[in-house]
């Protein structure tokens, strides 16, 4: 592992679309990008042959990705099947040890997940947007979000465990490329109410976005997209009202529950999910009464934002149960 090498020089700045696609679990600028990617994936599935005649194309297992193809090969594809990113460079010795292992496991997977190989030297904007600190770096993406990652050339047994956990967490190859998928399922029409709320979010008007999402939920309490987006907008409303040094202030005053809640919000919004969960779990363990309940409630809210299928949520839920009982 060679920390910092992928960021040699300033490099090209990521495009807004790429930044949105890669920004992490709760970057609200990514909502529209993820929804559009989901719709494209569903449209592609609807166009695929549905009769199952013939052997069909061989499943895709490995693809080379550039900034120009990232949207289609990673983000869109991740709504059909998990995508594991292999971020490497020609000069990186450990990369040459890890890449063949990943390629072997991808072949064994038979399309249950896809390996996306990204040369960080020729695609520095991707490395920058993904906040790559050292290579080889591996990141698992599903439904437009990073589920898990590791850095360094791990032994094959540990890499296999990582891949198995990704496939299990995503439902075991939910529509493998080139294999049986959701063919014939029509894409869901765009909801103009959601579009208006997303536009308000993109413009930074979180109050208006929250109002519109609440109106949708008042009319349709089971509207999943509105419920998910409202939680994210509420998080952004809190984060924008938080001091820039919220994390440092919380670190300096570990007994202050208000600071801990604010810092956890900021950490989650920045994509540091383990830090956010760990901070609130520490408050739950160390406090009692109202303070403990506030930390527990906020932690459950953050679980809902990250998503129940994320393996980090499953782990933190178990830790929360042990802390409470």
C-alpha atoms as a PDB file:
ATOM      1  CA  UNK A   1       0.000   0.000   0.000  1.00  0.00           C
ATOM      2  CA  UNK A   2       1.354   3.447  -0.910  1.00  0.00           C
ATOM      3  CA  UNK A   3      -0.766   6.156   0.749  1.00  0.00           C
ATOM      4  CA  UNK A   4      -1.287   9.303  -1.229  1.00  0.00           C
ATOM      5  CA  UNK A   5       0.251   8.102  -4.490  1.00  0.00           C
ATOM      6  CA  UNK A   6      -2.999   8.202  -6.496  1.00  0.00           C
ATOM      7  CA  UNK A   7      -3.317  11.928  -5.810  1.00  0.00           C
ATOM      8  CA  UNK A   8       0.008  12.920  -7.400  1.00  0.00           C
ATOM      9  CA  UNK A   9      -0.474  16.539  -8.410  1.00  0.00           C
ATOM     10  CA  UNK A  10      -3.803  18.238  -8.384  1.00  0.00           C
ATOM     11  CA  UNK A  11      -5.188  16.077 -11.169  1.00  0.00           C
ATOM     12  CA  UNK A  12      -8.446  16.812 -12.945  1.00  0.00           C
ATOM     13  CA  UNK A  13     -11.329  17.847 -10.740  1.00  0.00           C
ATOM     14  CA  UNK A  14     -14.191  15.354 -10.735  1.00  0.00           C
ATOM     15  CA  UNK A  15     -17.169  16.419 -12.789  1.00  0.00           C
ATOM     16  CA  UNK A  16     -20.309  17.294 -10.779  1.00  0.00           C
ATOM     17  CA  UNK A  17     -22.040  14.184 -12.114  1.00  0.00           C
ATOM     18  CA  UNK A  18     -19.132  11.951 -11.153  1.00  0.00           C
ATOM     19  CA  UNK A  19     -18.879  13.544  -7.721  1.00  0.00           C
ATOM     20  CA  UNK A  20     -22.596  12.974  -7.181  1.00  0.00           C
ATOM     21  CA  UNK A  21     -22.301   9.372  -8.281  1.00  0.00           C
ATOM     22  CA  UNK A  22     -19.405   8.665  -5.958  1.00  0.00           C
ATOM     23  CA  UNK A  23     -20.139  10.913  -3.014  1.00  0.00           C
ATOM     24  CA  UNK A  24     -21.324   8.230  -0.612  1.00  0.00           C
ATOM     25  CA  UNK A  25     -24.368   7.058   1.216  1.00  0.00           C
ATOM     26  CA  UNK A  26     -26.016  10.352   2.094  1.00  0.00           C
ATOM     27  CA  UNK A  27     -24.833  13.078  -0.279  1.00  0.00           C
ATOM     28  CA  UNK A  28     -28.169  14.580  -1.250  1.00  0.00           C
ATOM     29  CA  UNK A  29     -26.799  15.838  -4.570  1.00  0.00           C
ATOM     30  CA  UNK A  30     -26.622  12.156  -5.531  1.00  0.00           C
ATOM     31  CA  UNK A  31     -30.325  11.420  -5.091  1.00  0.00           C
ATOM     32  CA  UNK A  32     -31.261  12.375  -8.646  1.00  0.00           C
ATOM     33  CA  UNK A  33     -28.235  10.548 -10.088  1.00  0.00           C
ATOM     34  CA  UNK A  34     -29.103   7.355  -8.225  1.00  0.00           C
ATOM     35  CA  UNK A  35     -32.770   7.516  -9.194  1.00  0.00           C
ATOM     36  CA  UNK A  36     -31.926   8.074 -12.842  1.00  0.00           C
ATOM     37  CA  UNK A  37     -29.437   5.213 -12.739  1.00  0.00           C
ATOM     38  CA  UNK A  38     -32.062   2.940 -11.229  1.00  0.00           C
ATOM     39  CA  UNK A  39     -34.513   3.864 -13.964  1.00  0.00           C
ATOM     40  CA  UNK A  40     -31.955   3.204 -16.695  1.00  0.00           C
ATOM     41  CA  UNK A  41     -31.144  -0.176 -15.179  1.00  0.00           C
ATOM     42  CA  UNK A  42     -34.829  -1.102 -15.023  1.00  0.00           C
ATOM     43  CA  UNK A  43     -35.332   0.032 -18.619  1.00  0.00           C
ATOM     44  CA  UNK A  44     -32.412  -2.116 -19.749  1.00  0.00           C
ATOM     45  CA  UNK A  45     -33.863  -5.096 -17.895  1.00  0.00           C
ATOM     46  CA  UNK A  46     -37.237  -4.506 -19.541  1.00  0.00           C
ATOM     47  CA  UNK A  47     -35.608  -4.583 -22.980  1.00  0.00           C
ATOM     48  CA  UNK A  48     -33.806  -7.873 -22.333  1.00  0.00           C
ATOM     49  CA  UNK A  49     -35.265 -11.089 -23.821  1.00  0.00           C
ATOM     50  CA  UNK A  50     -37.766 -12.559 -21.388  1.00  0.00           C
ATOM     51  CA  UNK A  51     -38.461 -15.939 -22.919  1.00  0.00           C
ATOM     52  CA  UNK A  52     -35.217 -17.585 -21.784  1.00  0.00           C
ATOM     53  CA  UNK A  53     -34.713 -19.184 -25.207  1.00  0.00           C
ATOM     54  CA  UNK A  54     -31.177 -20.335 -25.978  1.00  0.00           C
ATOM     55  CA  UNK A  55     -28.139 -20.213 -23.799  1.00  0.00           C
ATOM     56  CA  UNK A  56     -28.004 -16.409 -23.892  1.00  0.00           C
ATOM     57  CA  UNK A  57     -24.859 -14.285 -23.533  1.00  0.00           C
ATOM     58  CA  UNK A  58     -22.158 -15.283 -21.098  1.00  0.00           C
ATOM     59  CA  UNK A  59     -22.428 -13.344 -17.849  1.00  0.00           C
ATOM     60  CA  UNK A  60     -20.203 -10.304 -17.478  1.00  0.00           C
ATOM     61  CA  UNK A  61     -17.622 -10.806 -14.730  1.00  0.00           C
ATOM     62  CA  UNK A  62     -14.855  -8.219 -15.327  1.00  0.00           C
ATOM     63  CA  UNK A  63     -14.965  -4.771 -16.967  1.00  0.00           C
ATOM     64  CA  UNK A  64     -12.373  -2.024 -17.432  1.00  0.00           C
ATOM     65  CA  UNK A  65     -13.771   1.332 -16.343  1.00  0.00           C
ATOM     66  CA  UNK A  66     -12.876   4.933 -17.154  1.00  0.00           C
ATOM     67  CA  UNK A  67     -14.431   8.205 -16.046  1.00  0.00           C
ATOM     68  CA  UNK A  68     -16.426   8.221 -19.286  1.00  0.00           C
ATOM     69  CA  UNK A  69     -17.884   4.762 -18.628  1.00  0.00           C
ATOM     70  CA  UNK A  70     -18.223   4.933 -14.836  1.00  0.00           C
ATOM     71  CA  UNK A  71     -21.899   5.906 -14.937  1.00  0.00           C
ATOM     72  CA  UNK A  72     -22.915   2.940 -17.101  1.00  0.00           C
ATOM     73  CA  UNK A  73     -20.428   0.301 -15.988  1.00  0.00           C
ATOM     74  CA  UNK A  74     -20.542   0.976 -12.241  1.00  0.00           C
ATOM     75  CA  UNK A  75     -23.450   3.130 -11.100  1.00  0.00           C
ATOM     76  CA  UNK A  76     -26.124   1.869 -13.502  1.00  0.00           C
ATOM     77  CA  UNK A  77     -24.876  -1.712 -13.336  1.00  0.00           C
ATOM     78  CA  UNK A  78     -24.944  -1.645  -9.527  1.00  0.00           C
ATOM     79  CA  UNK A  79     -28.753  -1.540  -9.648  1.00  0.00           C
ATOM     80  CA  UNK A  80     -28.699  -4.936 -11.332  1.00  0.00           C
ATOM     81  CA  UNK A  81     -25.839  -6.636  -9.494  1.00  0.00           C
ATOM     82  CA  UNK A  82     -23.096  -5.766  -6.973  1.00  0.00           C
ATOM     83  CA  UNK A  83     -20.021  -4.116  -8.492  1.00  0.00           C
ATOM     84  CA  UNK A  84     -16.616  -4.445  -6.812  1.00  0.00           C
ATOM     85  CA  UNK A  85     -14.108  -1.748  -7.752  1.00  0.00           C
ATOM     86  CA  UNK A  86     -10.443  -2.705  -8.104  1.00  0.00           C
ATOM     87  CA  UNK A  87      -8.459   0.560  -8.000  1.00  0.00           C
ATOM     88  CA  UNK A  88      -4.929  -0.147  -9.171  1.00  0.00           C
ATOM     89  CA  UNK A  89      -1.904   1.252 -11.030  1.00  0.00           C
ATOM     90  CA  UNK A  90       0.844  -0.264 -13.151  1.00  0.00           C
ATOM     91  CA  UNK A  91       3.580   0.814 -10.716  1.00  0.00           C
ATOM     92  CA  UNK A  92       1.843  -0.790  -7.718  1.00  0.00           C
ATOM     93  CA  UNK A  93       3.340  -4.159  -6.769  1.00  0.00           C
ATOM     94  CA  UNK A  94       0.617  -5.172  -4.277  1.00  0.00           C
ATOM     95  CA  UNK A  95      -1.974  -4.421  -6.971  1.00  0.00           C
ATOM     96  CA  UNK A  96      -0.405  -7.078  -9.153  1.00  0.00           C
ATOM     97  CA  UNK A  97      -0.869  -9.551  -6.312  1.00  0.00           C
ATOM     98  CA  UNK A  98      -4.492  -8.644  -5.569  1.00  0.00           C
ATOM     99  CA  UNK A  99      -5.939  -8.145  -9.058  1.00  0.00           C
ATOM    100  CA  UNK A 100      -5.529 -11.785 -10.193  1.00  0.00           C
ATOM    101  CA  UNK A 101      -7.246 -12.932  -6.999  1.00  0.00           C
ATOM    102  CA  UNK A 102     -10.208 -10.640  -7.653  1.00  0.00           C
ATOM    103  CA  UNK A 103     -10.397 -11.739 -11.292  1.00  0.00           C
ATOM    104  CA  UNK A 104     -10.366 -15.402 -10.245  1.00  0.00           C
ATOM    105  CA  UNK A 105     -13.162 -14.859  -7.715  1.00  0.00           C
ATOM    106  CA  UNK A 106     -15.187 -12.874 -10.253  1.00  0.00           C
ATOM    107  CA  UNK A 107     -14.952 -15.756 -12.712  1.00  0.00           C
ATOM    108  CA  UNK A 108     -16.037 -18.174  -9.993  1.00  0.00           C
ATOM    109  CA  UNK A 109     -18.974 -15.888  -9.186  1.00  0.00           C
ATOM    110  CA  UNK A 110     -20.371 -16.374 -12.668  1.00  0.00           C
ATOM    111  CA  UNK A 111     -21.977 -12.939 -12.811  1.00  0.00           C
ATOM    112  CA  UNK A 112     -23.261 -12.824  -9.233  1.00  0.00           C
ATOM    113  CA  UNK A 113     -21.067  -9.732  -8.961  1.00  0.00           C
ATOM    114  CA  UNK A 114     -18.956  -7.760 -11.416  1.00  0.00           C
ATOM    115  CA  UNK A 115     -15.343  -6.678 -11.001  1.00  0.00           C
ATOM    116  CA  UNK A 116     -14.723  -3.142 -12.294  1.00  0.00           C
ATOM    117  CA  UNK A 117     -11.028  -2.415 -12.799  1.00  0.00           C
ATOM    118  CA  UNK A 118      -9.987   1.257 -12.586  1.00  0.00           C
ATOM    119  CA  UNK A 119      -6.448   2.491 -13.316  1.00  0.00           C
ATOM    120  CA  UNK A 120      -6.027   5.415 -10.899  1.00  0.00           C
ATOM    121  CA  UNK A 121      -3.225   6.989 -12.939  1.00  0.00           C
ATOM    122  CA  UNK A 122      -5.383   7.398 -16.036  1.00  0.00           C
ATOM    123  CA  UNK A 123      -8.575   8.060 -14.057  1.00  0.00           C
ATOM    124  CA  UNK A 124      -7.436  10.400 -11.303  1.00  0.00           C
ATOM    125  CA  UNK A 125     -10.826  12.100 -11.111  1.00  0.00           C
ATOM    126  CA  UNK A 126     -12.416   8.818 -10.050  1.00  0.00           C
ATOM    127  CA  UNK A 127      -9.698   8.233  -7.436  1.00  0.00           C
ATOM    128  CA  UNK A 128     -10.187  11.751  -6.099  1.00  0.00           C
ATOM    129  CA  UNK A 129     -13.968  11.488  -5.933  1.00  0.00           C
ATOM    130  CA  UNK A 130     -13.713   8.105  -4.198  1.00  0.00           C
ATOM    131  CA  UNK A 131     -11.217   9.576  -1.704  1.00  0.00           C
ATOM    132  CA  UNK A 132      -8.672   6.874  -2.452  1.00  0.00           C
ATOM    133  CA  UNK A 133      -5.772   7.221  -0.011  1.00  0.00           C
ATOM    134  CA  UNK A 134      -3.741   4.192  -1.059  1.00  0.00           C
ATOM    135  CA  UNK A 135      -3.829   1.302  -3.472  1.00  0.00           C
ATOM    136  CA  UNK A 136      -4.759  -1.368  -4.093  1.00  0.00           C
ATOM    137  CA  UNK A 137      -8.168  -0.198  -2.926  1.00  0.00           C
ATOM    138  CA  UNK A 138     -11.333  -2.265  -3.207  1.00  0.00           C
ATOM    139  CA  UNK A 139     -14.840  -0.833  -2.825  1.00  0.00           C
ATOM    140  CA  UNK A 140     -18.149  -2.685  -3.169  1.00  0.00           C
ATOM    141  CA  UNK A 141     -20.992  -0.700  -4.768  1.00  0.00           C
ATOM    142  CA  UNK A 142     -24.658  -1.668  -4.795  1.00  0.00           C
ATOM    143  CA  UNK A 143     -27.632   0.452  -5.821  1.00  0.00           C
ATOM    144  CA  UNK A 144     -25.342   3.415  -6.308  1.00  0.00           C
ATOM    145  CA  UNK A 145     -23.811   3.326  -2.837  1.00  0.00           C
ATOM    146  CA  UNK A 146     -20.560   2.045  -1.345  1.00  0.00           C
ATOM    147  CA  UNK A 147     -21.322  -0.880   0.975  1.00  0.00           C
ATOM    148  CA  UNK A 148     -17.846  -1.804   2.132  1.00  0.00           C
ATOM    149  CA  UNK A 149     -14.180  -1.459   1.277  1.00  0.00           C
ATOM    150  CA  UNK A 150     -10.632  -2.425   2.148  1.00  0.00           C
ATOM    151  CA  UNK A 151      -7.129  -1.291   1.222  1.00  0.00           C
ATOM    152  CA  UNK A 152      -4.081  -3.442   0.597  1.00  0.00           C
ATOM    153  CA  UNK A 153      -3.384  -6.869  -0.859  1.00  0.00           C
ATOM    154  CA  UNK A 154      -5.259  -9.155   1.536  1.00  0.00           C
ATOM    155  CA  UNK A 155      -4.884 -12.945   1.430  1.00  0.00           C
ATOM    156  CA  UNK A 156      -7.294 -14.743  -0.890  1.00  0.00           C
ATOM    157  CA  UNK A 157      -9.247 -16.193   2.040  1.00  0.00           C
ATOM    158  CA  UNK A 158     -10.000 -12.710   3.409  1.00  0.00           C
ATOM    159  CA  UNK A 159     -10.870 -11.335  -0.022  1.00  0.00           C
ATOM    160  CA  UNK A 160     -13.242 -14.266  -0.514  1.00  0.00           C
ATOM    161  CA  UNK A 161     -14.900 -13.510   2.838  1.00  0.00           C
ATOM    162  CA  UNK A 162     -15.344  -9.868   1.789  1.00  0.00           C
ATOM    163  CA  UNK A 163     -16.935 -10.856  -1.534  1.00  0.00           C
ATOM    164  CA  UNK A 164     -19.182 -13.460   0.115  1.00  0.00           C
ATOM    165  CA  UNK A 165     -20.384 -10.829   2.596  1.00  0.00           C
ATOM    166  CA  UNK A 166     -21.146  -8.382  -0.234  1.00  0.00           C
ATOM    167  CA  UNK A 167     -23.136 -10.958  -2.218  1.00  0.00           C
ATOM    168  CA  UNK A 168     -25.032 -12.066   0.885  1.00  0.00           C
ATOM    169  CA  UNK A 169     -25.815  -8.498   1.937  1.00  0.00           C
ATOM    170  CA  UNK A 170     -27.178  -7.671  -1.511  1.00  0.00           C
ATOM    171  CA  UNK A 171     -29.465 -10.667  -1.690  1.00  0.00           C
ATOM    172  CA  UNK A 172     -27.217 -13.085  -3.526  1.00  0.00           C
ATOM    173  CA  UNK A 173     -26.795 -11.726  -7.031  1.00  0.00           C
ATOM    174  CA  UNK A 174     -29.926  -9.680  -7.454  1.00  0.00           C
ATOM    175  CA  UNK A 175     -30.164 -10.006 -11.206  1.00  0.00           C
ATOM    176  CA  UNK A 176     -26.701 -11.041 -12.391  1.00  0.00           C
ATOM    177  CA  UNK A 177     -25.561  -9.467 -15.645  1.00  0.00           C
ATOM    178  CA  UNK A 178     -26.198 -11.790 -18.534  1.00  0.00           C
ATOM    179  CA  UNK A 179     -28.133 -14.159 -16.264  1.00  0.00           C
ATOM    180  CA  UNK A 180     -31.704 -14.290 -15.066  1.00  0.00           C
ATOM    181  CA  UNK A 181     -32.809 -10.862 -13.972  1.00  0.00           C
ATOM    182  CA  UNK A 182     -35.927  -8.749 -13.756  1.00  0.00           C
ATOM    183  CA  UNK A 183     -36.540  -8.899 -17.488  1.00  0.00           C
ATOM    184  CA  UNK A 184     -39.895  -7.595 -18.558  1.00  0.00           C
ATOM    185  CA  UNK A 185     -40.342  -5.342 -15.508  1.00  0.00           C
ATOM    186  CA  UNK A 186     -41.237  -1.869 -16.780  1.00  0.00           C
ATOM    187  CA  UNK A 187     -39.407   1.150 -15.446  1.00  0.00           C
ATOM    188  CA  UNK A 188     -41.348   3.114 -12.854  1.00  0.00           C
ATOM    189  CA  UNK A 189     -42.616   6.412 -14.287  1.00  0.00           C
ATOM    190  CA  UNK A 190     -41.040   9.544 -12.875  1.00  0.00           C
ATOM    191  CA  UNK A 191     -43.109  11.137 -10.098  1.00  0.00           C
ATOM    192  CA  UNK A 192     -43.288  14.911 -10.728  1.00  0.00           C
ATOM    193  CA  UNK A 193     -43.747  15.538  -7.008  1.00  0.00           C
ATOM    194  CA  UNK A 194     -40.487  13.745  -6.249  1.00  0.00           C
ATOM    195  CA  UNK A 195     -38.764  15.589  -9.084  1.00  0.00           C
ATOM    196  CA  UNK A 196     -39.837  18.926  -7.613  1.00  0.00           C
ATOM    197  CA  UNK A 197     -38.588  17.938  -4.161  1.00  0.00           C
ATOM    198  CA  UNK A 198     -35.277  16.736  -5.615  1.00  0.00           C
ATOM    199  CA  UNK A 199     -34.900  20.034  -7.484  1.00  0.00           C
ATOM    200  CA  UNK A 200     -35.425  21.917  -4.223  1.00  0.00           C
ATOM    201  CA  UNK A 201     -32.796  19.735  -2.582  1.00  0.00           C
ATOM    202  CA  UNK A 202     -30.314  20.323  -5.402  1.00  0.00           C
ATOM    203  CA  UNK A 203     -30.857  24.083  -4.972  1.00  0.00           C
ATOM    204  CA  UNK A 204     -30.125  23.832  -1.247  1.00  0.00           C
ATOM    205  CA  UNK A 205     -33.691  24.692  -0.201  1.00  0.00           C
ATOM    206  CA  UNK A 206     -33.992  21.886   2.315  1.00  0.00           C
ATOM    207  CA  UNK A 207     -37.018  23.414   4.063  1.00  0.00           C
ATOM    208  CA  UNK A 208     -38.988  23.370   0.807  1.00  0.00           C
ATOM    209  CA  UNK A 209     -37.766  19.877  -0.049  1.00  0.00           C
ATOM    210  CA  UNK A 210     -38.846  18.604   3.370  1.00  0.00           C
ATOM    211  CA  UNK A 211     -42.243  20.275   2.964  1.00  0.00           C
ATOM    212  CA  UNK A 212     -42.788  18.606  -0.397  1.00  0.00           C
ATOM    213  CA  UNK A 213     -41.721  15.178   0.826  1.00  0.00           C
ATOM    214  CA  UNK A 214     -44.059  15.475   3.812  1.00  0.00           C
ATOM    215  CA  UNK A 215     -46.912  16.387   1.459  1.00  0.00           C
ATOM    216  CA  UNK A 216     -46.219  13.260  -0.590  1.00  0.00           C
ATOM    217  CA  UNK A 217     -46.190  11.115   2.550  1.00  0.00           C
ATOM    218  CA  UNK A 218     -49.397  12.703   3.826  1.00  0.00           C
ATOM    219  CA  UNK A 219     -51.092  11.585   0.624  1.00  0.00           C
ATOM    220  CA  UNK A 220     -49.215   8.276   0.332  1.00  0.00           C
ATOM    221  CA  UNK A 221     -47.772   7.103   3.676  1.00  0.00           C
ATOM    222  CA  UNK A 222     -46.146   4.082   2.001  1.00  0.00           C
ATOM    223  CA  UNK A 223     -44.196   6.151  -0.571  1.00  0.00           C
ATOM    224  CA  UNK A 224     -40.731   4.673   0.019  1.00  0.00           C
ATOM    225  CA  UNK A 225     -38.673   7.117  -2.042  1.00  0.00           C
ATOM    226  CA  UNK A 226     -40.232  10.107  -0.284  1.00  0.00           C
ATOM    227  CA  UNK A 227     -39.666   8.586   3.150  1.00  0.00           C
ATOM    228  CA  UNK A 228     -36.022   7.829   2.401  1.00  0.00           C
ATOM    229  CA  UNK A 229     -35.368  11.248   0.906  1.00  0.00           C
ATOM    230  CA  UNK A 230     -37.084  13.054   3.781  1.00  0.00           C
ATOM    231  CA  UNK A 231     -34.724  11.392   6.273  1.00  0.00           C
ATOM    232  CA  UNK A 232     -31.763  12.506   4.185  1.00  0.00           C
ATOM    233  CA  UNK A 233     -33.058  16.059   3.816  1.00  0.00           C
ATOM    234  CA  UNK A 234     -33.616  16.299   7.569  1.00  0.00           C
ATOM    235  CA  UNK A 235     -30.027  15.172   8.054  1.00  0.00           C
ATOM    236  CA  UNK A 236     -28.781  17.894   5.706  1.00  0.00           C
ATOM    237  CA  UNK A 237     -30.879  20.496   7.481  1.00  0.00           C
ATOM    238  CA  UNK A 238     -29.159  19.573  10.738  1.00  0.00           C
ATOM    239  CA  UNK A 239     -25.700  19.447   9.169  1.00  0.00           C
ATOM    240  CA  UNK A 240     -26.007  22.876   7.533  1.00  0.00           C
ATOM    241  CA  UNK A 241     -26.909  24.325  10.946  1.00  0.00           C
ATOM    242  CA  UNK A 242     -23.899  22.690  12.601  1.00  0.00           C
ATOM    243  CA  UNK A 243     -20.586  24.418  13.323  1.00  0.00           C
ATOM    244  CA  UNK A 244     -17.799  23.572  10.844  1.00  0.00           C
ATOM    245  CA  UNK A 245     -15.640  22.185  13.652  1.00  0.00           C
ATOM    246  CA  UNK A 246     -18.404  19.987  15.073  1.00  0.00           C
ATOM    247  CA  UNK A 247     -16.319  16.805  15.037  1.00  0.00           C
ATOM    248  CA  UNK A 248     -13.329  18.437  16.738  1.00  0.00           C
ATOM    249  CA  UNK A 249     -15.574  19.999  19.376  1.00  0.00           C
ATOM    250  CA  UNK A 250     -17.219  16.652  20.106  1.00  0.00           C
ATOM    251  CA  UNK A 251     -13.843  14.934  20.347  1.00  0.00           C
ATOM    252  CA  UNK A 252     -12.738  17.545  22.870  1.00  0.00           C
ATOM    253  CA  UNK A 253     -15.857  17.097  25.026  1.00  0.00           C
ATOM    254  CA  UNK A 254     -16.779  13.384  24.944  1.00  0.00           C
ATOM    255  CA  UNK A 255     -19.436  13.809  27.622  1.00  0.00           C
ATOM    256  CA  UNK A 256     -21.470  16.388  25.692  1.00  0.00           C
ATOM    257  CA  UNK A 257     -24.351  14.528  24.064  1.00  0.00           C
ATOM    258  CA  UNK A 258     -25.475  17.481  21.913  1.00  0.00           C
ATOM    259  CA  UNK A 259     -22.003  17.759  20.396  1.00  0.00           C
ATOM    260  CA  UNK A 260     -21.875  14.010  19.835  1.00  0.00           C
ATOM    261  CA  UNK A 261     -25.186  14.038  17.958  1.00  0.00           C
ATOM    262  CA  UNK A 262     -24.052  16.916  15.748  1.00  0.00           C
ATOM    263  CA  UNK A 263     -20.679  15.301  15.056  1.00  0.00           C
ATOM    264  CA  UNK A 264     -22.285  11.978  14.133  1.00  0.00           C
ATOM    265  CA  UNK A 265     -24.527  13.775  11.632  1.00  0.00           C
ATOM    266  CA  UNK A 266     -21.504  15.443  10.031  1.00  0.00           C
ATOM    267  CA  UNK A 267     -19.537  12.200   9.892  1.00  0.00           C
ATOM    268  CA  UNK A 268     -22.387  10.376   8.202  1.00  0.00           C
ATOM    269  CA  UNK A 269     -22.944  13.201   5.717  1.00  0.00           C
ATOM    270  CA  UNK A 270     -19.248  13.026   4.841  1.00  0.00           C
ATOM    271  CA  UNK A 271     -19.501   9.274   4.251  1.00  0.00           C
ATOM    272  CA  UNK A 272     -17.661   8.128   7.400  1.00  0.00           C
ATOM    273  CA  UNK A 273     -20.378   5.694   8.438  1.00  0.00           C
ATOM    274  CA  UNK A 274     -18.309   3.676  10.978  1.00  0.00           C
ATOM    275  CA  UNK A 275     -17.258   6.851  12.814  1.00  0.00           C
ATOM    276  CA  UNK A 276     -20.847   8.112  13.045  1.00  0.00           C
ATOM    277  CA  UNK A 277     -22.171   4.793  14.303  1.00  0.00           C
ATOM    278  CA  UNK A 278     -19.267   4.323  16.705  1.00  0.00           C
ATOM    279  CA  UNK A 279     -19.688   7.767  18.215  1.00  0.00           C
ATOM    280  CA  UNK A 280     -23.374   7.239  18.987  1.00  0.00           C
ATOM    281  CA  UNK A 281     -22.807   3.727  20.273  1.00  0.00           C
ATOM    282  CA  UNK A 282     -20.241   5.167  22.701  1.00  0.00           C
ATOM    283  CA  UNK A 283     -22.838   7.641  23.980  1.00  0.00           C
ATOM    284  CA  UNK A 284     -25.405   4.856  24.428  1.00  0.00           C
ATOM    285  CA  UNK A 285     -22.897   2.812  26.445  1.00  0.00           C
ATOM    286  CA  UNK A 286     -21.766   5.741  28.593  1.00  0.00           C
ATOM    287  CA  UNK A 287     -25.068   7.477  29.320  1.00  0.00           C
ATOM    288  CA  UNK A 288     -28.482   6.813  30.805  1.00  0.00           C
ATOM    289  CA  UNK A 289     -31.989   8.218  30.813  1.00  0.00           C
ATOM    290  CA  UNK A 290     -32.894  10.879  28.258  1.00  0.00           C
ATOM    291  CA  UNK A 291     -29.335  11.219  26.939  1.00  0.00           C
ATOM    292  CA  UNK A 292     -29.154   7.538  26.184  1.00  0.00           C
ATOM    293  CA  UNK A 293     -32.541   7.562  24.472  1.00  0.00           C
ATOM    294  CA  UNK A 294     -31.592  10.574  22.336  1.00  0.00           C
ATOM    295  CA  UNK A 295     -28.436   8.812  21.167  1.00  0.00           C
ATOM    296  CA  UNK A 296     -30.350   5.607  20.477  1.00  0.00           C
ATOM    297  CA  UNK A 297     -33.042   7.446  18.514  1.00  0.00           C
ATOM    298  CA  UNK A 298     -30.502   9.318  16.399  1.00  0.00           C
ATOM    299  CA  UNK A 299     -28.578   6.119  15.735  1.00  0.00           C
ATOM    300  CA  UNK A 300     -31.743   4.384  14.509  1.00  0.00           C
ATOM    301  CA  UNK A 301     -32.422   7.383  12.235  1.00  0.00           C
ATOM    302  CA  UNK A 302     -28.950   7.060  10.751  1.00  0.00           C
ATOM    303  CA  UNK A 303     -29.492   3.309  10.265  1.00  0.00           C
ATOM    304  CA  UNK A 304     -32.533   4.140   8.131  1.00  0.00           C
ATOM    305  CA  UNK A 305     -30.549   6.638   6.063  1.00  0.00           C
ATOM    306  CA  UNK A 306     -27.714   4.245   5.285  1.00  0.00           C
ATOM    307  CA  UNK A 307     -30.177   1.426   4.610  1.00  0.00           C
ATOM    308  CA  UNK A 308     -31.073  -1.898   6.258  1.00  0.00           C
ATOM    309  CA  UNK A 309     -29.150  -3.952   3.679  1.00  0.00           C
ATOM    310  CA  UNK A 310     -25.826  -2.289   4.445  1.00  0.00           C
ATOM    311  CA  UNK A 311     -23.630  -4.744   6.409  1.00  0.00           C
ATOM    312  CA  UNK A 312     -22.374  -1.870   8.577  1.00  0.00           C
ATOM    313  CA  UNK A 313     -25.936  -1.304   9.761  1.00  0.00           C
ATOM    314  CA  UNK A 314     -26.359  -4.980  10.648  1.00  0.00           C
ATOM    315  CA  UNK A 315     -23.152  -4.901  12.704  1.00  0.00           C
ATOM    316  CA  UNK A 316     -24.073  -1.665  14.483  1.00  0.00           C
ATOM    317  CA  UNK A 317     -27.575  -2.976  15.250  1.00  0.00           C
ATOM    318  CA  UNK A 318     -26.038  -5.959  17.009  1.00  0.00           C
ATOM    319  CA  UNK A 319     -23.716  -3.637  18.933  1.00  0.00           C
ATOM    320  CA  UNK A 320     -26.668  -1.452  19.911  1.00  0.00           C
ATOM    321  CA  UNK A 321     -28.639  -4.448  21.181  1.00  0.00           C
ATOM    322  CA  UNK A 322     -25.686  -5.525  23.320  1.00  0.00           C
ATOM    323  CA  UNK A 323     -25.272  -1.985  24.650  1.00  0.00           C
ATOM    324  CA  UNK A 324     -28.939  -1.728  25.607  1.00  0.00           C
ATOM    325  CA  UNK A 325     -29.521  -5.181  27.002  1.00  0.00           C
END
